[in-house]
Amino acid sequence: MDEVEDLGKNFAEMVSTEVSETQEIEGPDKESYGDLFLEYDLRIIVREEETRKLSTGSKGTNEAEISWYVYEINY
C-alpha cells in the first residue's frame, strides 16, 4: 500500500506543479499539494493487476492529506 500511496502523492504533486507553471497559483511544497487542490477536489484510482485490488485516494478542498481506501476486485 505504501507504494500506491507514494505513486498517488507523486501524481498529485506533478499535476499541481504543471498547473502552477501555466497559471498564477502556488505549486506544491512540503506542507501542501499547492493551491490547485484548495479549489478542486482530488480523486486518484490505482488498479493493481497482480493483487486484484483497487485503491482510491481522495482529498477534498478542506483536507490536508489524501485519504486512501482499498477494495478487492471480484470478477
N, C-alpha and C. Protein backbone atom coordinates (compact mmCIF):
# COMPACT_ATOMS: atom_id res chain seq x y z
N MET A 1 0.82 -1.19 0.00
CA MET A 1 0.00 0.00 0.00
C MET A 1 0.87 1.26 0.00
N ASP A 2 2.02 1.20 0.65
CA ASP A 2 2.90 2.37 0.68
C ASP A 2 3.31 2.80 -0.72
N GLU A 3 3.56 1.83 -1.59
CA GLU A 3 3.95 2.13 -2.97
C GLU A 3 2.82 2.84 -3.71
N VAL A 4 1.60 2.39 -3.51
CA VAL A 4 0.44 3.01 -4.15
C VAL A 4 0.25 4.43 -3.64
N GLU A 5 0.38 4.62 -2.33
CA GLU A 5 0.23 5.96 -1.76
C GLU A 5 1.32 6.89 -2.27
N ASP A 6 2.55 6.41 -2.35
CA ASP A 6 3.64 7.23 -2.90
C ASP A 6 3.36 7.61 -4.35
N LEU A 7 2.87 6.66 -5.12
CA LEU A 7 2.53 6.93 -6.52
C LEU A 7 1.45 8.00 -6.61
N GLY A 8 0.43 7.89 -5.78
CA GLY A 8 -0.65 8.87 -5.77
C GLY A 8 -0.19 10.25 -5.34
N LYS A 9 0.64 10.32 -4.31
CA LYS A 9 1.17 11.61 -3.85
C LYS A 9 2.03 12.25 -4.91
N ASN A 10 2.88 11.46 -5.56
CA ASN A 10 3.72 11.98 -6.64
C ASN A 10 2.88 12.49 -7.80
N PHE A 11 1.81 11.78 -8.11
CA PHE A 11 0.90 12.21 -9.18
C PHE A 11 0.26 13.55 -8.83
N ALA A 12 -0.24 13.70 -7.60
CA ALA A 12 -0.87 14.95 -7.17
C ALA A 12 0.12 16.11 -7.23
N GLU A 13 1.34 15.87 -6.79
CA GLU A 13 2.36 16.93 -6.83
C GLU A 13 2.71 17.29 -8.28
N MET A 14 2.80 16.29 -9.15
CA MET A 14 3.12 16.55 -10.55
C MET A 14 2.04 17.39 -11.22
N VAL A 15 0.78 17.02 -11.00
CA VAL A 15 -0.33 17.77 -11.59
C VAL A 15 -0.33 19.21 -11.07
N SER A 16 -0.15 19.37 -9.78
CA SER A 16 -0.14 20.70 -9.18
C SER A 16 1.02 21.54 -9.71
N THR A 17 2.18 20.92 -9.88
CA THR A 17 3.34 21.63 -10.43
C THR A 17 3.09 22.07 -11.86
N GLU A 18 2.57 21.17 -12.68
CA GLU A 18 2.30 21.51 -14.08
C GLU A 18 1.30 22.67 -14.21
N VAL A 19 0.24 22.63 -13.42
CA VAL A 19 -0.77 23.69 -13.48
C VAL A 19 -0.19 25.00 -12.98
N SER A 20 0.61 24.95 -11.93
CA SER A 20 1.18 26.18 -11.37
C SER A 20 2.15 26.86 -12.35
N GLU A 21 2.72 26.10 -13.27
CA GLU A 21 3.64 26.68 -14.25
C GLU A 21 2.92 27.45 -15.35
N THR A 22 1.63 27.17 -15.54
CA THR A 22 0.88 27.87 -16.59
C THR A 22 -0.18 28.81 -16.02
N GLN A 23 -0.46 28.71 -14.74
CA GLN A 23 -1.45 29.56 -14.09
C GLN A 23 -0.75 30.34 -12.97
N GLU A 24 -1.37 31.35 -12.50
CA GLU A 24 -0.78 32.15 -11.43
C GLU A 24 -1.25 31.64 -10.07
N ILE A 25 -0.84 30.40 -9.75
CA ILE A 25 -1.15 29.81 -8.45
C ILE A 25 0.12 29.19 -7.89
N GLU A 26 0.14 29.00 -6.59
CA GLU A 26 1.28 28.38 -5.93
C GLU A 26 1.27 26.87 -6.16
N GLY A 27 2.43 26.31 -6.41
CA GLY A 27 2.56 24.87 -6.59
C GLY A 27 2.75 24.18 -5.25
N PRO A 28 3.03 22.89 -5.28
CA PRO A 28 3.17 22.13 -4.05
C PRO A 28 4.46 22.50 -3.30
N ASP A 29 4.42 22.26 -1.99
CA ASP A 29 5.61 22.39 -1.16
C ASP A 29 5.56 21.30 -0.09
N LYS A 30 6.41 21.36 0.89
CA LYS A 30 6.46 20.31 1.92
C LYS A 30 5.22 20.28 2.80
N GLU A 31 4.47 21.38 2.84
CA GLU A 31 3.30 21.49 3.71
C GLU A 31 1.98 21.18 3.01
N SER A 32 1.93 21.28 1.67
CA SER A 32 0.65 21.09 0.97
C SER A 32 0.88 20.65 -0.47
N TYR A 33 -0.23 20.29 -1.11
CA TYR A 33 -0.19 19.91 -2.52
C TYR A 33 -0.37 21.11 -3.44
N GLY A 34 -0.37 22.31 -2.88
CA GLY A 34 -0.49 23.52 -3.67
C GLY A 34 -1.90 24.07 -3.71
N ASP A 35 -2.02 25.25 -4.29
CA ASP A 35 -3.31 25.95 -4.34
C ASP A 35 -4.34 25.29 -5.25
N LEU A 36 -3.89 24.50 -6.21
CA LEU A 36 -4.83 23.83 -7.12
C LEU A 36 -5.86 23.03 -6.34
N PHE A 37 -5.41 22.29 -5.33
CA PHE A 37 -6.31 21.41 -4.59
C PHE A 37 -6.99 22.11 -3.41
N LEU A 38 -6.83 23.44 -3.35
CA LEU A 38 -7.66 24.24 -2.46
C LEU A 38 -8.94 24.66 -3.18
N GLU A 39 -8.90 24.57 -4.51
CA GLU A 39 -10.04 24.94 -5.35
C GLU A 39 -10.76 23.71 -5.93
N TYR A 40 -10.03 22.62 -6.10
CA TYR A 40 -10.58 21.41 -6.73
C TYR A 40 -10.35 20.20 -5.84
N ASP A 41 -11.32 19.30 -5.79
CA ASP A 41 -11.14 18.02 -5.11
C ASP A 41 -10.22 17.15 -5.94
N LEU A 42 -9.54 16.24 -5.29
CA LEU A 42 -8.62 15.32 -5.95
C LEU A 42 -9.14 13.90 -5.79
N ARG A 43 -9.18 13.15 -6.87
CA ARG A 43 -9.55 11.73 -6.85
C ARG A 43 -8.50 10.96 -7.65
N ILE A 44 -7.98 9.91 -7.05
CA ILE A 44 -6.96 9.07 -7.68
C ILE A 44 -7.44 7.63 -7.59
N ILE A 45 -7.33 6.90 -8.69
CA ILE A 45 -7.69 5.48 -8.71
C ILE A 45 -6.51 4.70 -9.26
N VAL A 46 -6.06 3.70 -8.50
CA VAL A 46 -4.95 2.85 -8.91
C VAL A 46 -5.42 1.41 -8.88
N ARG A 47 -5.32 0.75 -10.01
CA ARG A 47 -5.71 -0.66 -10.09
C ARG A 47 -4.45 -1.51 -10.12
N GLU A 48 -4.34 -2.43 -9.16
CA GLU A 48 -3.19 -3.31 -9.08
C GLU A 48 -3.55 -4.63 -9.76
N GLU A 49 -3.02 -4.87 -10.90
CA GLU A 49 -3.38 -6.04 -11.70
C GLU A 49 -3.04 -7.35 -10.99
N GLU A 50 -1.87 -7.43 -10.39
CA GLU A 50 -1.42 -8.69 -9.80
C GLU A 50 -2.20 -9.06 -8.55
N THR A 51 -2.57 -8.09 -7.73
CA THR A 51 -3.25 -8.39 -6.47
C THR A 51 -4.76 -8.26 -6.57
N ARG A 52 -5.26 -7.77 -7.70
CA ARG A 52 -6.69 -7.57 -7.91
C ARG A 52 -7.29 -6.63 -6.88
N LYS A 53 -6.53 -5.58 -6.58
CA LYS A 53 -7.02 -4.57 -5.65
C LYS A 53 -7.19 -3.24 -6.38
N LEU A 54 -8.15 -2.50 -5.93
CA LEU A 54 -8.41 -1.16 -6.46
C LEU A 54 -8.22 -0.20 -5.29
N SER A 55 -7.27 0.70 -5.41
CA SER A 55 -7.01 1.68 -4.37
C SER A 55 -7.51 3.03 -4.85
N THR A 56 -8.25 3.70 -4.00
CA THR A 56 -8.75 5.03 -4.35
C THR A 56 -8.27 6.02 -3.30
N GLY A 57 -7.80 7.15 -3.78
CA GLY A 57 -7.37 8.22 -2.91
C GLY A 57 -8.24 9.44 -3.17
N SER A 58 -8.58 10.15 -2.12
CA SER A 58 -9.37 11.37 -2.30
C SER A 58 -8.91 12.43 -1.31
N LYS A 59 -9.01 13.68 -1.76
CA LYS A 59 -8.67 14.82 -0.92
C LYS A 59 -9.62 15.94 -1.29
N GLY A 60 -10.43 16.35 -0.34
CA GLY A 60 -11.32 17.47 -0.56
C GLY A 60 -10.58 18.78 -0.37
N THR A 61 -11.19 19.87 -0.77
CA THR A 61 -10.53 21.18 -0.70
C THR A 61 -10.22 21.59 0.74
N ASN A 62 -10.95 21.07 1.69
CA ASN A 62 -10.72 21.45 3.09
C ASN A 62 -9.85 20.44 3.84
N GLU A 63 -9.30 19.45 3.15
CA GLU A 63 -8.46 18.42 3.77
C GLU A 63 -7.00 18.64 3.40
N ALA A 64 -6.11 18.30 4.32
CA ALA A 64 -4.68 18.48 4.08
C ALA A 64 -4.03 17.26 3.42
N GLU A 65 -4.55 16.08 3.70
CA GLU A 65 -3.94 14.85 3.22
C GLU A 65 -4.90 14.04 2.35
N ILE A 66 -4.33 13.12 1.60
CA ILE A 66 -5.10 12.21 0.77
C ILE A 66 -5.53 11.02 1.63
N SER A 67 -6.81 10.69 1.62
CA SER A 67 -7.33 9.51 2.32
C SER A 67 -7.40 8.36 1.33
N TRP A 68 -6.95 7.19 1.76
CA TRP A 68 -6.88 6.02 0.88
C TRP A 68 -7.83 4.93 1.33
N TYR A 69 -8.44 4.26 0.35
CA TYR A 69 -9.32 3.12 0.58
C TYR A 69 -8.92 2.02 -0.40
N VAL A 70 -8.96 0.78 0.06
CA VAL A 70 -8.59 -0.35 -0.79
C VAL A 70 -9.78 -1.29 -0.90
N TYR A 71 -10.07 -1.71 -2.14
CA TYR A 71 -11.17 -2.62 -2.41
C TYR A 71 -10.63 -3.83 -3.14
N GLU A 72 -11.20 -4.99 -2.84
CA GLU A 72 -10.90 -6.21 -3.59
C GLU A 72 -11.77 -6.23 -4.84
N ILE A 73 -11.17 -6.56 -5.96
CA ILE A 73 -11.93 -6.65 -7.22
C ILE A 73 -12.32 -8.11 -7.42
N ASN A 74 -13.59 -8.37 -7.54
CA ASN A 74 -14.08 -9.72 -7.77
C ASN A 74 -14.72 -9.79 -9.15
N TYR A 75 -13.98 -10.35 -10.10
CA TYR A 75 -14.52 -10.53 -11.44
C TYR A 75 -14.04 -11.80 -12.04
